[in-house]
PDB file of N, CA and C in Angstrom:
ATOM      1  N   MET A   1       9.582  16.666   3.282  1.00  0.00           N
ATOM      2  CA  MET A   1      10.172  15.448   3.080  1.00  0.00           C
ATOM      3  C   MET A   1      10.778  15.477   1.774  1.00  0.00           C
ATOM      4  N   PRO A   2      12.078  14.991   1.586  1.00  0.00           N
ATOM      5  CA  PRO A   2      12.696  15.222   0.267  1.00  0.00           C
ATOM      6  C   PRO A   2      12.145  14.314  -0.671  1.00  0.00           C
ATOM      7  N   ALA A   3      12.318  14.472  -2.093  1.00  0.00           N
ATOM      8  CA  ALA A   3      11.732  13.953  -3.122  1.00  0.00           C
ATOM      9  C   ALA A   3      12.053  12.444  -3.244  1.00  0.00           C
ATOM     10  N   ASP A   4      13.347  12.177  -2.907  1.00  0.00           N
ATOM     11  CA  ASP A   4      13.530  10.865  -3.097  1.00  0.00           C
ATOM     12  C   ASP A   4      13.288   9.789  -2.173  1.00  0.00           C
ATOM     13  N   ALA A   5      13.070  10.572  -0.673  1.00  0.00           N
ATOM     14  CA  ALA A   5      12.468   9.408   0.294  1.00  0.00           C
ATOM     15  C   ALA A   5      10.986   9.457   0.089  1.00  0.00           C
ATOM     16  N   LEU A   6      10.217  10.373  -0.599  1.00  0.00           N
ATOM     17  CA  LEU A   6       8.930  10.193  -1.075  1.00  0.00           C
ATOM     18  C   LEU A   6       8.834   9.269  -2.012  1.00  0.00           C
ATOM     19  N   LEU A   7       9.626   9.119  -3.069  1.00  0.00           N
ATOM     20  CA  LEU A   7       9.715   8.115  -4.070  1.00  0.00           C
ATOM     21  C   LEU A   7       9.709   6.668  -3.465  1.00  0.00           C
ATOM     22  N   VAL A   8      10.539   6.762  -2.595  1.00  0.00           N
ATOM     23  CA  VAL A   8      11.026   5.378  -1.943  1.00  0.00           C
ATOM     24  C   VAL A   8       9.709   4.780  -1.172  1.00  0.00           C
ATOM     25  N   THR A   9       9.123   5.616  -0.597  1.00  0.00           N
ATOM     26  CA  THR A   9       7.989   5.429   0.251  1.00  0.00           C
ATOM     27  C   THR A   9       6.798   5.017  -0.759  1.00  0.00           C
ATOM     28  N   VAL A  10       6.834   5.538  -1.774  1.00  0.00           N
ATOM     29  CA  VAL A  10       5.712   5.163  -2.639  1.00  0.00           C
ATOM     30  C   VAL A  10       5.824   3.918  -3.455  1.00  0.00           C
ATOM     31  N   ILE A  11       7.080   3.683  -3.788  1.00  0.00           N
ATOM     32  CA  ILE A  11       7.487   2.234  -4.299  1.00  0.00           C
ATOM     33  C   ILE A  11       7.217   1.205  -3.379  1.00  0.00           C
ATOM     34  N   VAL A  12       7.765   1.317  -2.142  1.00  0.00           N
ATOM     35  CA  VAL A  12       7.582   0.341  -0.925  1.00  0.00           C
ATOM     36  C   VAL A  12       5.968   0.163  -0.954  1.00  0.00           C
ATOM     37  N   VAL A  13       5.240   1.154  -0.747  1.00  0.00           N
ATOM     38  CA  VAL A  13       3.747   0.970  -0.458  1.00  0.00           C
ATOM     39  C   VAL A  13       3.318   0.127  -1.809  1.00  0.00           C
ATOM     40  N   ALA A  14       3.811   0.558  -2.842  1.00  0.00           N
ATOM     41  CA  ALA A  14       3.234  -0.260  -4.101  1.00  0.00           C
ATOM     42  C   ALA A  14       3.366  -1.710  -4.196  1.00  0.00           C
ATOM     43  N   ILE A  15       4.609  -1.890  -3.546  1.00  0.00           N
ATOM     44  CA  ILE A  15       5.121  -3.413  -3.571  1.00  0.00           C
ATOM     45  C   ILE A  15       4.241  -4.134  -2.566  1.00  0.00           C
ATOM     46  N   PHE A  16       3.885  -3.512  -1.538  1.00  0.00           N
ATOM     47  CA  PHE A  16       3.021  -4.064  -0.395  1.00  0.00           C
ATOM     48  C   PHE A  16       1.467  -4.239  -1.087  1.00  0.00           C
ATOM     49  N   VAL A  17       1.175  -3.226  -1.782  1.00  0.00           N
ATOM     50  CA  VAL A  17      -0.209  -3.218  -2.243  1.00  0.00           C
ATOM     51  C   VAL A  17      -0.163  -4.391  -3.457  1.00  0.00           C
ATOM     52  N   VAL A  18       0.581  -4.615  -4.172  1.00  0.00           N
ATOM     53  CA  VAL A  18       0.587  -5.576  -5.207  1.00  0.00           C
ATOM     54  C   VAL A  18       0.675  -6.906  -4.636  1.00  0.00           C
ATOM     55  N   PHE A  19       1.586  -7.066  -3.597  1.00  0.00           N
ATOM     56  CA  PHE A  19       1.649  -8.478  -2.903  1.00  0.00           C
ATOM     57  C   PHE A  19       0.317  -8.673  -2.328  1.00  0.00           C
ATOM     58  N   ALA A  20      -0.356  -7.824  -1.695  1.00  0.00           N
ATOM     59  CA  ALA A  20      -1.733  -8.306  -1.139  1.00  0.00           C
ATOM     60  C   ALA A  20      -2.528  -8.244  -2.135  1.00  0.00           C
ATOM     61  N   LEU A  21      -2.572  -7.785  -3.208  1.00  0.00           N
ATOM     62  CA  LEU A  21      -3.681  -8.149  -4.213  1.00  0.00           C
ATOM     63  C   LEU A  21      -3.214  -9.565  -4.895  1.00  0.00           C
ATOM     64  N   THR A  22      -2.156  -9.875  -4.974  1.00  0.00           N
ATOM     65  CA  THR A  22      -1.791 -11.092  -5.686  1.00  0.00           C
ATOM     66  C   THR A  22      -2.024 -12.370  -4.675  1.00  0.00           C
ATOM     67  N   LEU A  23      -1.991 -12.152  -3.200  1.00  0.00           N
ATOM     68  CA  LEU A  23      -2.419 -13.020  -2.408  1.00  0.00           C
ATOM     69  C   LEU A  23      -3.973 -13.128  -2.254  1.00  0.00           C
ATOM     70  N   ALA A  24      -4.731 -12.006  -2.414  1.00  0.00           N
ATOM     71  CA  ALA A  24      -6.190 -12.018  -2.400  1.00  0.00           C
ATOM     72  C   ALA A  24      -6.532 -12.653  -3.596  1.00  0.00           C
ATOM     73  N   TRP A  25      -5.900 -12.560  -4.835  1.00  0.00           N
ATOM     74  CA  TRP A  25      -6.464 -12.939  -5.997  1.00  0.00           C
ATOM     75  C   TRP A  25      -6.220 -14.651  -6.024  1.00  0.00           C
ATOM     76  N   ALA A  26      -4.899 -14.974  -5.535  1.00  0.00           N
ATOM     77  CA  ALA A  26      -4.812 -16.386  -5.295  1.00  0.00           C
ATOM     78  C   ALA A  26      -5.499 -17.042  -4.546  1.00  0.00           C
ATOM     79  N   ASP A  27      -6.048 -16.507  -3.310  1.00  0.00           N
ATOM     80  CA  ASP A  27      -6.824 -17.069  -2.514  1.00  0.00           C
ATOM     81  C   ASP A  27      -8.270 -17.012  -2.939  1.00  0.00           C
ATOM     82  N   ARG A  28      -8.707 -16.252  -3.790  1.00  0.00           N
ATOM     83  CA  ARG A  28     -10.055 -16.313  -4.450  1.00  0.00           C
ATOM     84  C   ARG A  28     -10.067 -17.489  -5.547  1.00  0.00           C
ATOM     85  N   GLN A  29      -9.017 -17.428  -6.190  1.00  0.00           N
ATOM     86  CA  GLN A  29      -8.844 -18.831  -7.197  1.00  0.00           C
ATOM     87  C   GLN A  29      -8.929 -20.051  -6.536  1.00  0.00           C
ATOM     88  N   THR A  30      -8.064 -20.282  -5.298  1.00  0.00           N
ATOM     89  CA  THR A  30      -8.280 -21.594  -4.804  1.00  0.00           C
ATOM     90  C   THR A  30      -9.507 -21.803  -4.085  1.00  0.00           C
ATOM     91  N   SER A  31     -10.101 -20.827  -3.274  1.00  0.00           N
ATOM     92  CA  SER A  31     -11.252 -20.926  -2.510  1.00  0.00           C
ATOM     93  C   SER A  31     -12.413 -21.159  -3.455  1.00  0.00           C
ATOM     94  N   SER A  32     -12.506 -20.466  -4.756  1.00  0.00           N
ATOM     95  CA  SER A  32     -13.680 -20.615  -5.571  1.00  0.00           C
ATOM     96  C   SER A  32     -13.673 -22.170  -6.146  1.00  0.00           C
ATOM     97  N   ARG A  33     -12.565 -22.805  -6.511  1.00  0.00           N
ATOM     98  CA  ARG A  33     -12.373 -24.168  -6.788  1.00  0.00           C
ATOM     99  C   ARG A  33     -12.807 -25.087  -5.815  1.00  0.00           C
ATOM    100  N   ARG A  34     -12.604 -24.775  -4.600  1.00  0.00           N
ATOM    101  CA  ARG A  34     -12.755 -25.523  -3.483  1.00  0.00           C
ATOM    102  C   ARG A  34     -14.377 -25.612  -3.113  1.00  0.00           C
ATOM    103  N   LEU A  35     -14.871 -24.350  -3.434  1.00  0.00           N
ATOM    104  CA  LEU A  35     -16.251 -24.300  -3.188  1.00  0.00           C
ATOM    105  C   LEU A  35     -17.214 -24.989  -4.480  1.00  0.00           C
ATOM    106  N   ASP A  36     -16.632 -24.933  -5.654  1.00  0.00           N
ATOM    107  CA  ASP A  36     -17.107 -25.688  -6.720  1.00  0.00           C
ATOM    108  C   ASP A  36     -17.017 -26.964  -6.480  1.00  0.00           C
ATOM    109  N   SER A  37     -16.027 -27.554  -6.090  1.00  0.00           N
ATOM    110  CA  SER A  37     -15.784 -28.893  -6.051  1.00  0.00           C
ATOM    111  C   SER A  37     -16.784 -29.747  -4.905  1.00  0.00           C
ATOM    112  N   ASP A  38     -17.076 -28.905  -3.978  1.00  0.00           N
ATOM    113  CA  ASP A  38     -17.926 -29.612  -2.902  1.00  0.00           C
ATOM    114  C   ASP A  38     -19.263 -30.019  -3.132  1.00  0.00           C
ATOM    115  N   PRO A  39     -20.044 -29.151  -4.005  1.00  0.00           N
ATOM    116  CA  PRO A  39     -21.510 -29.563  -4.220  1.00  0.00           C
ATOM    117  C   PRO A  39     -21.477 -30.633  -5.185  1.00  0.00           C
ATOM    118  N   LYS A  40     -20.365 -30.907  -5.898  1.00  0.00           N
ATOM    119  CA  LYS A  40     -20.306 -32.191  -7.196  1.00  0.00           C
ATOM    120  C   LYS A  40     -20.073 -33.386  -6.453  1.00  0.00           C
ATOM    121  N   ARG A  41     -19.831 -33.627  -5.312  1.00  0.00           N
ATOM    122  CA  ARG A  41     -19.598 -34.757  -4.510  1.00  0.00           C
ATOM    123  C   ARG A  41     -20.838 -35.544  -4.356  1.00  0.00           C
TER     124      ARG A  41
END
């Protein structure tokens, strides 16, 4: 596998990983607020 193809593959995988971590972080932020607000009612 040429070095440039390997570099592009690593960059694309890194972009997907960052996107997945961002979605997981945002979901955790919103779901924790939702769970915190429920017992206070």
